[in-house]
C-alpha atoms as a PDB file:
ATOM      1  CA  MET A   1       8.427  20.482 -13.952  1.00  0.00           C
ATOM      2  CA  LYS A   2       8.101  16.700 -13.814  1.00  0.00           C
ATOM      3  CA  GLN A   3       4.539  15.419 -14.043  1.00  0.00           C
ATOM      4  CA  ILE A   4       3.270  11.888 -13.346  1.00  0.00           C
ATOM      5  CA  THR A   5      -0.326  10.828 -13.895  1.00  0.00           C
ATOM      6  CA  TYR A   6      -1.739   8.394 -11.332  1.00  0.00           C
ATOM      7  CA  SER A   7      -4.898   6.588 -12.429  1.00  0.00           C
ATOM      8  CA  ILE A   8      -7.168   3.680 -11.592  1.00  0.00           C
ATOM      9  CA  SER A   9      -8.836   1.856 -14.469  1.00  0.00           C
ATOM     10  CA  SER A  10     -12.617   2.106 -14.580  1.00  0.00           C
ATOM     11  CA  ASP A  11     -12.670  -1.692 -15.176  1.00  0.00           C
ATOM     12  CA  ILE A  12     -11.721  -2.183 -11.530  1.00  0.00           C
ATOM     13  CA  PHE A  13     -14.646  -0.121 -10.295  1.00  0.00           C
ATOM     14  CA  GLU A  14     -16.996  -2.108 -12.525  1.00  0.00           C
ATOM     15  CA  GLN A  15     -16.050  -5.162 -10.457  1.00  0.00           C
ATOM     16  CA  PHE A  16     -15.540  -3.371  -7.128  1.00  0.00           C
ATOM     17  CA  PRO A  17     -17.665  -0.192  -7.114  1.00  0.00           C
ATOM     18  CA  ASP A  18     -17.059   0.504  -3.412  1.00  0.00           C
ATOM     19  CA  PHE A  19     -13.273   0.308  -3.648  1.00  0.00           C
ATOM     20  CA  MET A  20     -11.331   3.427  -2.658  1.00  0.00           C
ATOM     21  CA  ARG A  21      -7.625   4.192  -2.578  1.00  0.00           C
ATOM     22  CA  GLY A  22      -6.267   6.948  -0.379  1.00  0.00           C
ATOM     23  CA  VAL A  23      -3.004   8.363  -1.718  1.00  0.00           C
ATOM     24  CA  VAL A  24      -0.682  10.022   0.790  1.00  0.00           C
ATOM     25  CA  LEU A  25       2.203  11.973  -0.714  1.00  0.00           C
ATOM     26  CA  ALA A  26       5.149  12.756   1.542  1.00  0.00           C
ATOM     27  CA  TYR A  27       8.251  14.566   0.346  1.00  0.00           C
ATOM     28  CA  ASP A  28      11.393  16.107   1.803  1.00  0.00           C
ATOM     29  CA  VAL A  29      11.255  13.331   4.397  1.00  0.00           C
ATOM     30  CA  LYS A  30      14.202  12.015   6.399  1.00  0.00           C
ATOM     31  CA  ASN A  31      13.923   8.248   6.374  1.00  0.00           C
ATOM     32  CA  SER A  32      16.240   6.271   8.643  1.00  0.00           C
ATOM     33  CA  ILE A  33      16.539   3.394  11.059  1.00  0.00           C
ATOM     34  CA  SER A  34      13.489   3.580  13.303  1.00  0.00           C
ATOM     35  CA  PRO A  35      13.970   5.069  16.774  1.00  0.00           C
ATOM     36  CA  ALA A  36      13.094   3.001  19.842  1.00  0.00           C
ATOM     37  CA  GLU A  37       9.834   4.923  20.258  1.00  0.00           C
ATOM     38  CA  LEU A  38       8.545   3.903  16.833  1.00  0.00           C
ATOM     39  CA  ILE A  39       9.610   0.281  17.279  1.00  0.00           C
ATOM     40  CA  HIS A  40       7.701   0.286  20.575  1.00  0.00           C
ATOM     41  CA  ILE A  41       4.597   1.523  18.724  1.00  0.00           C
ATOM     42  CA  LEU A  42       5.030  -1.311  16.215  1.00  0.00           C
ATOM     43  CA  ARG A  43       5.189  -3.849  19.048  1.00  0.00           C
ATOM     44  CA  GLN A  44       2.056  -2.283  20.584  1.00  0.00           C
ATOM     45  CA  ALA A  45       0.234  -2.716  17.278  1.00  0.00           C
ATOM     46  CA  GLU A  46       1.281  -6.371  17.183  1.00  0.00           C
ATOM     47  CA  SER A  47       0.108  -6.862  20.763  1.00  0.00           C
ATOM     48  CA  ALA A  48      -3.277  -5.308  19.999  1.00  0.00           C
ATOM     49  CA  VAL A  49      -3.758  -7.721  17.103  1.00  0.00           C
ATOM     50  CA  CYS A  50      -2.972 -10.665  19.386  1.00  0.00           C
ATOM     51  CA  GLN A  51      -5.400  -9.389  22.008  1.00  0.00           C
ATOM     52  CA  HIS A  52      -8.299  -9.003  19.598  1.00  0.00           C
ATOM     53  CA  LEU A  53      -7.779 -11.780  17.044  1.00  0.00           C
ATOM     54  CA  GLU A  54      -6.895 -15.442  16.857  1.00  0.00           C
ATOM     55  CA  LEU A  55      -5.997 -17.449  13.773  1.00  0.00           C
ATOM     56  CA  ASP A  56      -9.378 -19.187  13.887  1.00  0.00           C
ATOM     57  CA  ASP A  57     -11.105 -15.772  13.817  1.00  0.00           C
ATOM     58  CA  LEU A  58      -9.660 -14.596  10.507  1.00  0.00           C
ATOM     59  CA  ALA A  59     -12.238 -16.281   8.295  1.00  0.00           C
ATOM     60  CA  GLY A  60     -14.870 -14.074   9.949  1.00  0.00           C
ATOM     61  CA  GLU A  61     -12.977 -10.802  10.396  1.00  0.00           C
ATOM     62  CA  PRO A  62     -14.863  -8.335   8.123  1.00  0.00           C
ATOM     63  CA  HIS A  63     -11.833  -6.380   6.866  1.00  0.00           C
ATOM     64  CA  LEU A  64      -9.942  -9.532   5.912  1.00  0.00           C
ATOM     65  CA  VAL A  65     -13.039 -11.253   4.528  1.00  0.00           C
ATOM     66  CA  ALA A  66     -13.530  -8.311   2.151  1.00  0.00           C
ATOM     67  CA  TRP A  67     -10.147  -8.964   0.548  1.00  0.00           C
ATOM     68  CA  ARG A  68     -10.656 -12.725   0.513  1.00  0.00           C
ATOM     69  CA  GLU A  69     -13.899 -12.217  -1.392  1.00  0.00           C
ATOM     70  CA  ALA A  70     -12.245  -9.758  -3.766  1.00  0.00           C
ATOM     71  CA  PHE A  71      -9.514 -12.282  -4.519  1.00  0.00           C
ATOM     72  CA  ARG A  72     -12.125 -14.994  -5.138  1.00  0.00           C
ATOM     73  CA  LYS A  73     -13.940 -12.677  -7.521  1.00  0.00           C
ATOM     74  CA  MET A  74     -10.675 -12.260  -9.435  1.00  0.00           C
ATOM     75  CA  GLY A  75     -10.351 -16.048  -9.698  1.00  0.00           C
ATOM     76  CA  MET A  76      -7.654 -16.437  -7.039  1.00  0.00           C
ATOM     77  CA  LYS A  77      -7.827 -18.857  -4.139  1.00  0.00           C
ATOM     78  CA  PRO A  78      -7.378 -16.684  -1.011  1.00  0.00           C
ATOM     79  CA  THR A  79      -5.400 -19.383   0.797  1.00  0.00           C
ATOM     80  CA  ASP A  80      -2.886 -19.403  -2.073  1.00  0.00           C
ATOM     81  CA  TYR A  81      -2.673 -15.626  -2.379  1.00  0.00           C
ATOM     82  CA  ARG A  82      -3.026 -13.806   0.934  1.00  0.00           C
ATOM     83  CA  SER A  83      -3.703 -10.095   0.869  1.00  0.00           C
ATOM     84  CA  SER A  84      -0.769  -8.134   2.265  1.00  0.00           C
ATOM     85  CA  VAL A  85      -2.719  -7.229   5.415  1.00  0.00           C
ATOM     86  CA  GLU A  86      -3.772 -10.813   6.133  1.00  0.00           C
ATOM     87  CA  ALA A  87      -0.213 -12.044   5.574  1.00  0.00           C
ATOM     88  CA  LEU A  88       0.996  -9.426   8.058  1.00  0.00           C
ATOM     89  CA  VAL A  89      -1.629 -10.354  10.646  1.00  0.00           C
ATOM     90  CA  ARG A  90      -0.887 -14.060  10.281  1.00  0.00           C
ATOM     91  CA  ARG A  91       2.811 -13.487  10.951  1.00  0.00           C
ATOM     92  CA  VAL A  92       1.935 -11.693  14.165  1.00  0.00           C
ATOM     93  CA  LEU A  93      -0.542 -14.357  15.287  1.00  0.00           C
ATOM     94  CA  HIS A  94       2.097 -17.015  14.646  1.00  0.00           C
ATOM     95  CA  GLY A  95       4.269 -15.222  17.193  1.00  0.00           C
ATOM     96  CA  GLN A  96       6.654 -13.563  14.739  1.00  0.00           C
ATOM     97  CA  GLU A  97       7.742  -9.987  15.373  1.00  0.00           C
ATOM     98  CA  ILE A  98       7.522  -7.808  12.286  1.00  0.00           C
ATOM     99  CA  PRO A  99      11.120  -6.748  11.642  1.00  0.00           C
ATOM    100  CA  SER A 100      11.880  -3.041  11.813  1.00  0.00           C
ATOM    101  CA  ILE A 101      13.051  -2.035   8.308  1.00  0.00           C
ATOM    102  CA  ASN A 102      13.130   1.749   8.358  1.00  0.00           C
ATOM    103  CA  THR A 103      10.907   4.535   9.595  1.00  0.00           C
ATOM    104  CA  LEU A 104       8.560   4.805   6.603  1.00  0.00           C
ATOM    105  CA  VAL A 105       8.138   1.048   6.202  1.00  0.00           C
ATOM    106  CA  ASP A 106       7.494   0.612   9.918  1.00  0.00           C
ATOM    107  CA  ILE A 107       4.841   3.334   9.868  1.00  0.00           C
ATOM    108  CA  GLY A 108       3.081   1.543   7.009  1.00  0.00           C
ATOM    109  CA  ASN A 109       3.075  -1.729   8.939  1.00  0.00           C
ATOM    110  CA  ILE A 110       1.746  -0.023  12.063  1.00  0.00           C
ATOM    111  CA  ILE A 111      -1.127   1.553  10.132  1.00  0.00           C
ATOM    112  CA  SER A 112      -1.932  -1.753   8.425  1.00  0.00           C
ATOM    113  CA  LEU A 113      -2.035  -3.649  11.733  1.00  0.00           C
ATOM    114  CA  ARG A 114      -4.029  -0.972  13.541  1.00  0.00           C
ATOM    115  CA  HIS A 115      -6.737  -0.679  10.924  1.00  0.00           C
ATOM    116  CA  LEU A 116      -6.540  -4.030   9.102  1.00  0.00           C
ATOM    117  CA  ILE A 117      -6.163  -2.448   5.676  1.00  0.00           C
ATOM    118  CA  PRO A 118      -3.531  -2.993   2.962  1.00  0.00           C
ATOM    119  CA  VAL A 119      -0.870  -0.281   3.004  1.00  0.00           C
ATOM    120  CA  GLY A 120       1.760   0.011   0.267  1.00  0.00           C
ATOM    121  CA  GLY A 121       4.533   2.587  -0.017  1.00  0.00           C
ATOM    122  CA  HIS A 122       6.418   3.402  -3.222  1.00  0.00           C
ATOM    123  CA  ALA A 123       9.464   5.643  -3.425  1.00  0.00           C
ATOM    124  CA  ILE A 124       8.932   8.175  -6.212  1.00  0.00           C
ATOM    125  CA  ASP A 125      12.220  10.126  -6.073  1.00  0.00           C
ATOM    126  CA  HIS A 126      13.332   8.837  -9.464  1.00  0.00           C
ATOM    127  CA  LEU A 127       9.997   7.769 -10.920  1.00  0.00           C
ATOM    128  CA  GLU A 128       9.491   9.057 -14.457  1.00  0.00           C
ATOM    129  CA  GLN A 129       6.569   7.082 -15.905  1.00  0.00           C
ATOM    130  CA  ASP A 130       2.852   7.344 -15.264  1.00  0.00           C
ATOM    131  CA  ILE A 131       1.528   4.941 -12.638  1.00  0.00           C
ATOM    132  CA  SER A 132      -1.732   3.039 -12.711  1.00  0.00           C
ATOM    133  CA  LEU A 133      -3.808   0.394 -10.983  1.00  0.00           C
ATOM    134  CA  ARG A 134      -5.174  -1.576 -13.921  1.00  0.00           C
ATOM    135  CA  MET A 135      -5.705  -4.938 -15.562  1.00  0.00           C
ATOM    136  CA  ALA A 136      -2.579  -6.630 -16.890  1.00  0.00           C
ATOM    137  CA  THR A 137      -2.037  -7.491 -20.530  1.00  0.00           C
ATOM    138  CA  GLY A 138       0.379 -10.242 -19.462  1.00  0.00           C
ATOM    139  CA  GLU A 139       3.328  -8.586 -21.199  1.00  0.00           C
ATOM    140  CA  GLU A 140       4.419  -6.434 -18.248  1.00  0.00           C
ATOM    141  CA  GLU A 141       7.615  -7.200 -16.321  1.00  0.00           C
ATOM    142  CA  PHE A 142       7.775  -7.923 -12.598  1.00  0.00           C
ATOM    143  CA  PHE A 143      10.866  -8.470 -10.462  1.00  0.00           C
ATOM    144  CA  PRO A 144       9.652  -9.688  -7.036  1.00  0.00           C
ATOM    145  CA  PHE A 145      11.121  -8.229  -3.884  1.00  0.00           C
ATOM    146  CA  GLY A 146      14.328 -10.078  -3.066  1.00  0.00           C
ATOM    147  CA  SER A 147      14.678 -11.677  -6.513  1.00  0.00           C
ATOM    148  CA  ASP A 148      16.353 -10.874  -9.823  1.00  0.00           C
ATOM    149  CA  GLN A 149      14.109 -13.306 -11.723  1.00  0.00           C
ATOM    150  CA  MET A 150      11.646 -11.582 -14.023  1.00  0.00           C
ATOM    151  CA  GLU A 151       8.002 -12.713 -14.113  1.00  0.00           C
ATOM    152  CA  HIS A 152       5.000 -11.740 -16.195  1.00  0.00           C
ATOM    153  CA  PRO A 153       1.623 -11.168 -14.538  1.00  0.00           C
ATOM    154  CA  GLU A 154      -1.358 -13.156 -15.730  1.00  0.00           C
ATOM    155  CA  LYS A 155      -3.629 -11.507 -18.277  1.00  0.00           C
ATOM    156  CA  ASP A 156      -6.378  -9.459 -16.590  1.00  0.00           C
ATOM    157  CA  GLU A 157      -4.703  -9.717 -13.199  1.00  0.00           C
ATOM    158  CA  ILE A 158      -4.983  -6.421 -11.293  1.00  0.00           C
ATOM    159  CA  ILE A 159      -1.556  -4.799 -11.115  1.00  0.00           C
ATOM    160  CA  PHE A 160      -0.092  -1.518  -9.929  1.00  0.00           C
ATOM    161  CA  THR A 161       2.379  -0.448 -12.556  1.00  0.00           C
ATOM    162  CA  ALA A 162       4.746   2.278 -13.758  1.00  0.00           C
ATOM    163  CA  GLY A 163       4.575   2.074 -17.502  1.00  0.00           C
ATOM    164  CA  ASN A 164       5.301  -1.590 -18.314  1.00  0.00           C
ATOM    165  CA  THR A 165       7.024  -2.254 -14.966  1.00  0.00           C
ATOM    166  CA  VAL A 166       4.859  -3.914 -12.329  1.00  0.00           C
ATOM    167  CA  LEU A 167       5.151  -2.390  -8.857  1.00  0.00           C
ATOM    168  CA  THR A 168       2.658  -4.718  -7.156  1.00  0.00           C
ATOM    169  CA  ARG A 169       1.098  -7.955  -8.419  1.00  0.00           C
ATOM    170  CA  ARG A 170      -2.414  -9.195  -7.720  1.00  0.00           C
ATOM    171  CA  TRP A 171      -3.581  -5.793  -6.474  1.00  0.00           C
ATOM    172  CA  ILE A 172      -2.128  -5.837  -2.950  1.00  0.00           C
ATOM    173  CA  TRP A 173      -0.300  -9.181  -2.862  1.00  0.00           C
ATOM    174  CA  ARG A 174       3.413  -8.843  -3.634  1.00  0.00           C
ATOM    175  CA  GLN A 175       5.643  -5.792  -4.222  1.00  0.00           C
ATOM    176  CA  ALA A 176       8.516  -5.458  -6.671  1.00  0.00           C
ATOM    177  CA  ASN A 177      12.101  -4.396  -6.071  1.00  0.00           C
ATOM    178  CA  TYR A 178      11.335  -1.262  -8.077  1.00  0.00           C
ATOM    179  CA  THR A 179      10.267   1.747  -5.932  1.00  0.00           C
ATOM    180  CA  LEU A 180      11.225   0.046  -2.660  1.00  0.00           C
ATOM    181  CA  THR A 181      11.336   2.405   0.304  1.00  0.00           C
ATOM    182  CA  LEU A 182      14.999   2.785   1.261  1.00  0.00           C
ATOM    183  CA  PRO A 183      16.885   4.874   3.854  1.00  0.00           C
ATOM    184  CA  GLU A 184      17.738   7.385   1.118  1.00  0.00           C
ATOM    185  CA  THR A 185      14.093   7.812   0.049  1.00  0.00           C
ATOM    186  CA  LYS A 186      13.074  11.488   0.103  1.00  0.00           C
ATOM    187  CA  ALA A 187       9.679  11.290  -1.601  1.00  0.00           C
ATOM    188  CA  ILE A 188       7.065   8.544  -1.273  1.00  0.00           C
ATOM    189  CA  GLU A 189       3.474   7.872  -2.170  1.00  0.00           C
ATOM    190  CA  ILE A 190       1.563   5.571   0.173  1.00  0.00           C
ATOM    191  CA  ASN A 191      -1.545   3.688  -0.921  1.00  0.00           C
ATOM    192  CA  LEU A 192      -4.266   3.058   1.652  1.00  0.00           C
ATOM    193  CA  ASP A 193      -6.772   0.605   0.176  1.00  0.00           C
ATOM    194  CA  GLY A 194     -10.334   0.340   1.376  1.00  0.00           C
ATOM    195  CA  LEU A 195     -13.199  -2.052   0.739  1.00  0.00           C
ATOM    196  CA  PRO A 196     -16.327  -2.129   2.945  1.00  0.00           C
ATOM    197  CA  PRO A 197     -16.524  -2.046   5.939  1.00  0.00           C
ATOM    198  CA  THR A 198     -13.813   0.624   5.475  1.00  0.00           C
ATOM    199  CA  ASP A 199     -15.644   3.703   4.183  1.00  0.00           C
ATOM    200  CA  GLU A 200     -14.504   7.101   2.946  1.00  0.00           C
ATOM    201  CA  LEU A 201     -14.672   8.792   6.349  1.00  0.00           C
ATOM    202  CA  VAL A 202     -12.593   6.056   7.973  1.00  0.00           C
ATOM    203  CA  LEU A 203     -10.064   6.028   5.140  1.00  0.00           C
ATOM    204  CA  ASN A 204      -9.633   9.794   5.402  1.00  0.00           C
ATOM    205  CA  GLU A 205      -9.055   9.459   9.150  1.00  0.00           C
ATOM    206  CA  ILE A 206      -6.457   6.741   8.558  1.00  0.00           C
ATOM    207  CA  ALA A 207      -4.707   9.017   6.052  1.00  0.00           C
ATOM    208  CA  THR A 208      -4.581  11.815   8.641  1.00  0.00           C
ATOM    209  CA  GLU A 209      -3.092   9.428  11.188  1.00  0.00           C
ATOM    210  CA  THR A 210      -0.521   8.244   8.638  1.00  0.00           C
ATOM    211  CA  MET A 211       0.548  11.789   7.821  1.00  0.00           C
ATOM    212  CA  GLU A 212       0.834  12.706  11.496  1.00  0.00           C
ATOM    213  CA  MET A 213       3.131   9.745  12.135  1.00  0.00           C
ATOM    214  CA  ILE A 214       5.302  10.553   9.131  1.00  0.00           C
ATOM    215  CA  ARG A 215       5.520  14.182  10.205  1.00  0.00           C
ATOM    216  CA  GLN A 216       6.496  13.121  13.738  1.00  0.00           C
ATOM    217  CA  PHE A 217       9.198  10.635  12.789  1.00  0.00           C
ATOM    218  CA  CYS A 218      10.348  11.761   9.320  1.00  0.00           C
ATOM    219  CA  GLY A 219       9.431  15.435   9.010  1.00  0.00           C
ATOM    220  CA  GLY A 220       8.672  16.632   5.501  1.00  0.00           C
ATOM    221  CA  GLU A 221       5.551  17.870   3.750  1.00  0.00           C
ATOM    222  CA  MET A 222       2.326  15.906   3.203  1.00  0.00           C
ATOM    223  CA  GLU A 223      -0.601  15.909   0.812  1.00  0.00           C
ATOM    224  CA  TYR A 224      -3.549  13.571   0.432  1.00  0.00           C
ATOM    225  CA  LYS A 225      -6.118  12.711  -2.227  1.00  0.00           C
ATOM    226  CA  LEU A 226      -8.764  10.009  -2.535  1.00  0.00           C
ATOM    227  CA  LEU A 227      -9.271   7.963  -5.687  1.00  0.00           C
ATOM    228  CA  LYS A 228     -12.675   6.320  -6.171  1.00  0.00           C
ATOM    229  CA  LYS A 229     -15.156   5.593  -8.963  1.00  0.00           C
ATOM    230  CA  GLU A 230     -16.075   9.292  -9.207  1.00  0.00           C
ATOM    231  CA  ASN A 231     -12.427  10.372  -9.270  1.00  0.00           C
ATOM    232  CA  LEU A 232     -10.199   8.029 -11.274  1.00  0.00           C
ATOM    233  CA  GLN A 233      -7.078  10.124 -11.621  1.00  0.00           C
ATOM    234  CA  LEU A 234      -4.720  12.564  -9.993  1.00  0.00           C
ATOM    235  CA  VAL A 235      -1.455  14.178 -11.025  1.00  0.00           C
ATOM    236  CA  LEU A 236       1.836  14.293  -9.134  1.00  0.00           C
ATOM    237  CA  ARG A 237       3.915  17.315 -10.058  1.00  0.00           C
ATOM    238  CA  CYS A 238       7.479  17.978  -8.939  1.00  0.00           C
ATOM    239  CA  ASP A 239       9.246  21.330  -9.175  1.00  0.00           C
ATOM    240  CA  ALA A 240      12.772  20.798  -7.825  1.00  0.00           C
ATOM    241  CA  LEU A 241      12.079  19.031  -4.487  1.00  0.00           C
ATOM    242  CA  ARG A 242       8.509  20.222  -4.047  1.00  0.00           C
ATOM    243  CA  TRP A 243       5.757  17.729  -4.957  1.00  0.00           C
ATOM    244  CA  ILE A 244       2.126  18.647  -5.506  1.00  0.00           C
ATOM    245  CA  LEU A 245      -0.958  16.436  -5.786  1.00  0.00           C
ATOM    246  CA  CYS A 246      -3.515  17.741  -8.280  1.00  0.00           C
END
């Protein structure tokens, strides 16, 4: 049985005690080009953002402000490094349709737009190393999405990593080529990140909604766990095709 430990460093909770990460595990899924129904739901989510927000509103939107303040606390200028959710919202408010990539990616974007939280999916079919949200040493390797040029994160930057390979830089800023969600993906873990005003009850409800959408459009089996300062670690176990969260 393959076993992967998933942990969050206690250092992060020392800086951000109210941070929570919901982890949705989906396996035996059938990922594919999104059907028209799902693309329509994506366009509805974009439309709702445009109806409720304007570019001038973003500096006061509580969910986005929370991530701006977190980035400032980490020594990053928020206008230089946009959180993934703010970058997504800004594209929509600039009149750009979010391209349909595949079913699982589109579901993640829908959830992010609906609830204004960062959502990140990582294919785990062939993952072998333990994964962790932690502070970087600066020696880790990162290959940005769409590039074959290797980078190193800055020391003490928050990274999501598999062993020494960075999956996401600057917490929820930019994803790597490694663990991209592809049409052939059969198993995925999806991170739902929450800072106040997103609380545990809301995050759990968002996780339920995420699993329902995956079940509707991709089939498969789902599990969910919440990582927070009182629960820093979980274990992903795989026996043949069956995955278990412990």
